[in-house]
PDB file of N, CA and C in Angstrom:
ATOM      1  N   MET A   1      88.185  72.897 112.646  1.00  0.00           N
ATOM      2  CA  MET A   1      86.739  73.484 113.077  1.00  0.00           C
ATOM      3  C   MET A   1      86.331  74.649 112.101  1.00  0.00           C
ATOM      4  N   LEU A   2      87.122  75.295 111.239  1.00  0.00           N
ATOM      5  CA  LEU A   2      86.643  76.329 110.448  1.00  0.00           C
ATOM      6  C   LEU A   2      86.487  75.569 109.124  1.00  0.00           C
ATOM      7  N   ALA A   3      87.159  74.550 109.033  1.00  0.00           N
ATOM      8  CA  ALA A   3      86.867  73.530 107.630  1.00  0.00           C
ATOM      9  C   ALA A   3      85.671  73.214 107.754  1.00  0.00           C
ATOM     10  N   ALA A   4      85.254  72.379 108.900  1.00  0.00           N
ATOM     11  CA  ALA A   4      84.053  71.519 108.990  1.00  0.00           C
ATOM     12  C   ALA A   4      83.012  72.637 109.035  1.00  0.00           C
ATOM     13  N   LEU A   5      82.937  73.734 109.295  1.00  0.00           N
ATOM     14  CA  LEU A   5      81.758  74.435 109.102  1.00  0.00           C
ATOM     15  C   LEU A   5      81.599  74.923 107.720  1.00  0.00           C
ATOM     16  N   ALA A   6      83.040  75.331 107.035  1.00  0.00           N
ATOM     17  CA  ALA A   6      82.868  75.774 105.945  1.00  0.00           C
ATOM     18  C   ALA A   6      81.873  74.484 104.635  1.00  0.00           C
ATOM     19  N   ILE A   7      82.242  73.085 105.381  1.00  0.00           N
ATOM     20  CA  ILE A   7      81.809  71.879 104.541  1.00  0.00           C
ATOM     21  C   ILE A   7      80.085  71.834 104.761  1.00  0.00           C
ATOM     22  N   GLU A   8      79.804  71.669 106.041  1.00  0.00           N
ATOM     23  CA  GLU A   8      78.549  71.670 106.543  1.00  0.00           C
ATOM     24  C   GLU A   8      77.797  72.993 105.646  1.00  0.00           C
ATOM     25  N   SER A   9      78.020  74.177 105.747  1.00  0.00           N
ATOM     26  CA  SER A   9      77.500  75.235 105.059  1.00  0.00           C
ATOM     27  C   SER A   9      77.766  75.348 103.614  1.00  0.00           C
ATOM     28  N   GLY A  10      78.529  74.771 103.194  1.00  0.00           N
ATOM     29  CA  GLY A  10      78.772  74.964 101.381  1.00  0.00           C
ATOM     30  C   GLY A  10      79.466  76.205 101.101  1.00  0.00           C
ATOM     31  N   LEU A  11      80.197  76.946 102.021  1.00  0.00           N
ATOM     32  CA  LEU A  11      80.741  78.018 102.041  1.00  0.00           C
ATOM     33  C   LEU A  11      82.085  77.807 101.381  1.00  0.00           C
ATOM     34  N   THR A  12      83.048  78.727 101.112  1.00  0.00           N
ATOM     35  CA  THR A  12      84.404  78.657 100.693  1.00  0.00           C
ATOM     36  C   THR A  12      85.400  79.350 101.300  1.00  0.00           C
ATOM     37  N   ILE A  13      86.106  79.294 101.889  1.00  0.00           N
ATOM     38  CA  ILE A  13      87.060  79.689 102.796  1.00  0.00           C
ATOM     39  C   ILE A  13      87.837  80.690 101.957  1.00  0.00           C
ATOM     40  N   LEU A  14      88.157  81.673 102.350  1.00  0.00           N
ATOM     41  CA  LEU A  14      89.344  82.513 101.928  1.00  0.00           C
ATOM     42  C   LEU A  14      90.328  82.826 102.899  1.00  0.00           C
ATOM     43  N   SER A  15      91.255  82.199 102.294  1.00  0.00           N
ATOM     44  CA  SER A  15      92.505  82.252 103.151  1.00  0.00           C
ATOM     45  C   SER A  15      94.214  82.450 102.450  1.00  0.00           C
ATOM     46  N   ALA A  16      95.034  82.785 102.939  1.00  0.00           N
ATOM     47  CA  ALA A  16      96.239  82.527 102.588  1.00  0.00           C
ATOM     48  C   ALA A  16      96.946  81.067 103.244  1.00  0.00           C
ATOM     49  N   ASP A  17      96.215  80.326 104.094  1.00  0.00           N
ATOM     50  CA  ASP A  17      96.968  78.879 104.445  1.00  0.00           C
ATOM     51  C   ASP A  17      96.555  78.197 103.549  1.00  0.00           C
ATOM     52  N   SER A  18      97.527  77.847 103.253  1.00  0.00           N
ATOM     53  CA  SER A  18      97.671  76.232 101.952  1.00  0.00           C
ATOM     54  C   SER A  18      97.074  75.025 102.519  1.00  0.00           C
ATOM     55  N   ASP A  19      96.887  74.921 103.955  1.00  0.00           N
ATOM     56  CA  ASP A  19      96.793  73.877 104.736  1.00  0.00           C
ATOM     57  C   ASP A  19      95.422  73.529 104.570  1.00  0.00           C
ATOM     58  N   PHE A  20      94.666  74.503 104.243  1.00  0.00           N
ATOM     59  CA  PHE A  20      92.964  74.194 104.023  1.00  0.00           C
ATOM     60  C   PHE A  20      93.279  73.524 102.522  1.00  0.00           C
ATOM     61  N   ALA A  21      93.851  73.176 101.514  1.00  0.00           N
ATOM     62  CA  ALA A  21      93.690  72.464 100.567  1.00  0.00           C
ATOM     63  C   ALA A  21      94.035  70.848 100.772  1.00  0.00           C
ATOM     64  N   ARG A  22      94.302  70.573 102.144  1.00  0.00           N
ATOM     65  CA  ARG A  22      94.344  69.405 102.644  1.00  0.00           C
ATOM     66  C   ARG A  22      92.761  68.371 102.748  1.00  0.00           C
ATOM     67  N   PHE A  23      91.990  69.317 103.031  1.00  0.00           N
ATOM     68  CA  PHE A  23      90.777  68.947 102.859  1.00  0.00           C
ATOM     69  C   PHE A  23      89.982  68.763 101.406  1.00  0.00           C
ATOM     70  N   ASN A  24      89.901  67.845 101.027  1.00  0.00           N
ATOM     71  CA  ASN A  24      89.166  67.423  99.806  1.00  0.00           C
ATOM     72  C   ASN A  24      87.360  68.035  99.178  1.00  0.00           C
ATOM     73  N   GLN A  25      86.525  68.192 100.347  1.00  0.00           N
ATOM     74  CA  GLN A  25      85.406  68.641 100.285  1.00  0.00           C
ATOM     75  C   GLN A  25      85.430  70.266 100.850  1.00  0.00           C
ATOM     76  N   THR A  26      86.362  70.814 101.048  1.00  0.00           N
ATOM     77  CA  THR A  26      86.574  72.210 101.427  1.00  0.00           C
ATOM     78  C   THR A  26      86.851  73.174 100.037  1.00  0.00           C
ATOM     79  N   ARG A  27      86.113  74.102  99.536  1.00  0.00           N
ATOM     80  CA  ARG A  27      86.058  75.159  98.558  1.00  0.00           C
ATOM     81  C   ARG A  27      87.389  76.304  99.180  1.00  0.00           C
ATOM     82  N   TRP A  28      88.362  76.442  98.439  1.00  0.00           N
ATOM     83  CA  TRP A  28      89.097  77.354  99.502  1.00  0.00           C
ATOM     84  C   TRP A  28      90.160  77.850  98.418  1.00  0.00           C
ATOM     85  N   GLU A  29      90.148  79.272  98.614  1.00  0.00           N
ATOM     86  CA  GLU A  29      90.449  80.230  97.920  1.00  0.00           C
ATOM     87  C   GLU A  29      91.138  81.060  98.225  1.00  0.00           C
ATOM     88  N   ASN A  30      92.816  81.174  97.626  1.00  0.00           N
ATOM     89  CA  ASN A  30      94.194  82.207  98.361  1.00  0.00           C
ATOM     90  C   ASN A  30      93.768  83.560  97.463  1.00  0.00           C
ATOM     91  N   LEU A  31      92.762  84.395  98.286  1.00  0.00           N
ATOM     92  CA  LEU A  31      92.923  85.718  97.422  1.00  0.00           C
ATOM     93  C   LEU A  31      93.906  86.404  97.161  1.00  0.00           C
ATOM     94  N   LEU A  32      95.328  86.479  98.150  1.00  0.00           N
ATOM     95  CA  LEU A  32      96.425  86.812  98.026  1.00  0.00           C
ATOM     96  C   LEU A  32      97.351  86.481  96.808  1.00  0.00           C
ATOM     97  N   ALA A  33      96.997  84.988  96.426  1.00  0.00           N
ATOM     98  CA  ALA A  33      97.999  84.605  95.504  1.00  0.00           C
ATOM     99  C   ALA A  33      96.951  84.987  94.014  1.00  0.00           C
ATOM    100  N   SER A  34      95.248  85.089  94.006  1.00  0.00           N
ATOM    101  CA  SER A  34      94.944  85.732  93.024  1.00  0.00           C
ATOM    102  C   SER A  34      95.164  86.972  92.798  1.00  0.00           C
ATOM    103  N   TRP A  35      95.451  87.816  93.738  1.00  0.00           N
ATOM    104  CA  TRP A  35      95.467  89.396  93.473  1.00  0.00           C
ATOM    105  C   TRP A  35      97.072  89.533  93.044  1.00  0.00           C
ATOM    106  N   ILE A  36      97.918  88.474  93.526  1.00  0.00           N
ATOM    107  CA  ILE A  36      99.507  88.765  92.986  1.00  0.00           C
ATOM    108  C   ILE A  36      99.483  88.623  91.455  1.00  0.00           C
ATOM    109  N   ASN A  37      98.864  87.323  91.145  1.00  0.00           N
ATOM    110  CA  ASN A  37      98.664  86.996  89.974  1.00  0.00           C
ATOM    111  C   ASN A  37      98.321  88.112  89.044  1.00  0.00           C
ATOM    112  N   LYS A  38      97.378  89.133  89.222  1.00  0.00           N
ATOM    113  CA  LYS A  38      96.772  89.951  88.694  1.00  0.00           C
ATOM    114  C   LYS A  38      97.875  91.329  88.489  1.00  0.00           C
ATOM    115  N   VAL A  39      98.081  91.788  89.412  1.00  0.00           N
ATOM    116  CA  VAL A  39      99.536  92.609  89.762  1.00  0.00           C
ATOM    117  C   VAL A  39     100.705  92.074  88.917  1.00  0.00           C
ATOM    118  N   ALA A  40     101.151  91.327  89.050  1.00  0.00           N
ATOM    119  CA  ALA A  40     102.532  90.624  88.654  1.00  0.00           C
ATOM    120  C   ALA A  40     102.359  89.372  88.154  1.00  0.00           C
ATOM    121  N   PRO A  41     101.577  89.199  86.889  1.00  0.00           N
ATOM    122  CA  PRO A  41     101.543  88.243  86.092  1.00  0.00           C
ATOM    123  C   PRO A  41     102.891  87.650  85.635  1.00  0.00           C
ATOM    124  N   ARG A  42     103.336  86.538  85.749  1.00  0.00           N
ATOM    125  CA  ARG A  42     104.296  85.824  85.223  1.00  0.00           C
ATOM    126  C   ARG A  42     104.696  85.676  83.531  1.00  0.00           C
TER     127      ARG A  42
END
């Protein structure tokens, strides 16, 4: 339901749950992964 609301509203979902990636129309960002990459780059 959250993915459907985000798609209808044109919003980005901010979540560490990678299951949102399976919805092609959903914009999804994992802020935790982004933060870890900034703090401890590979």
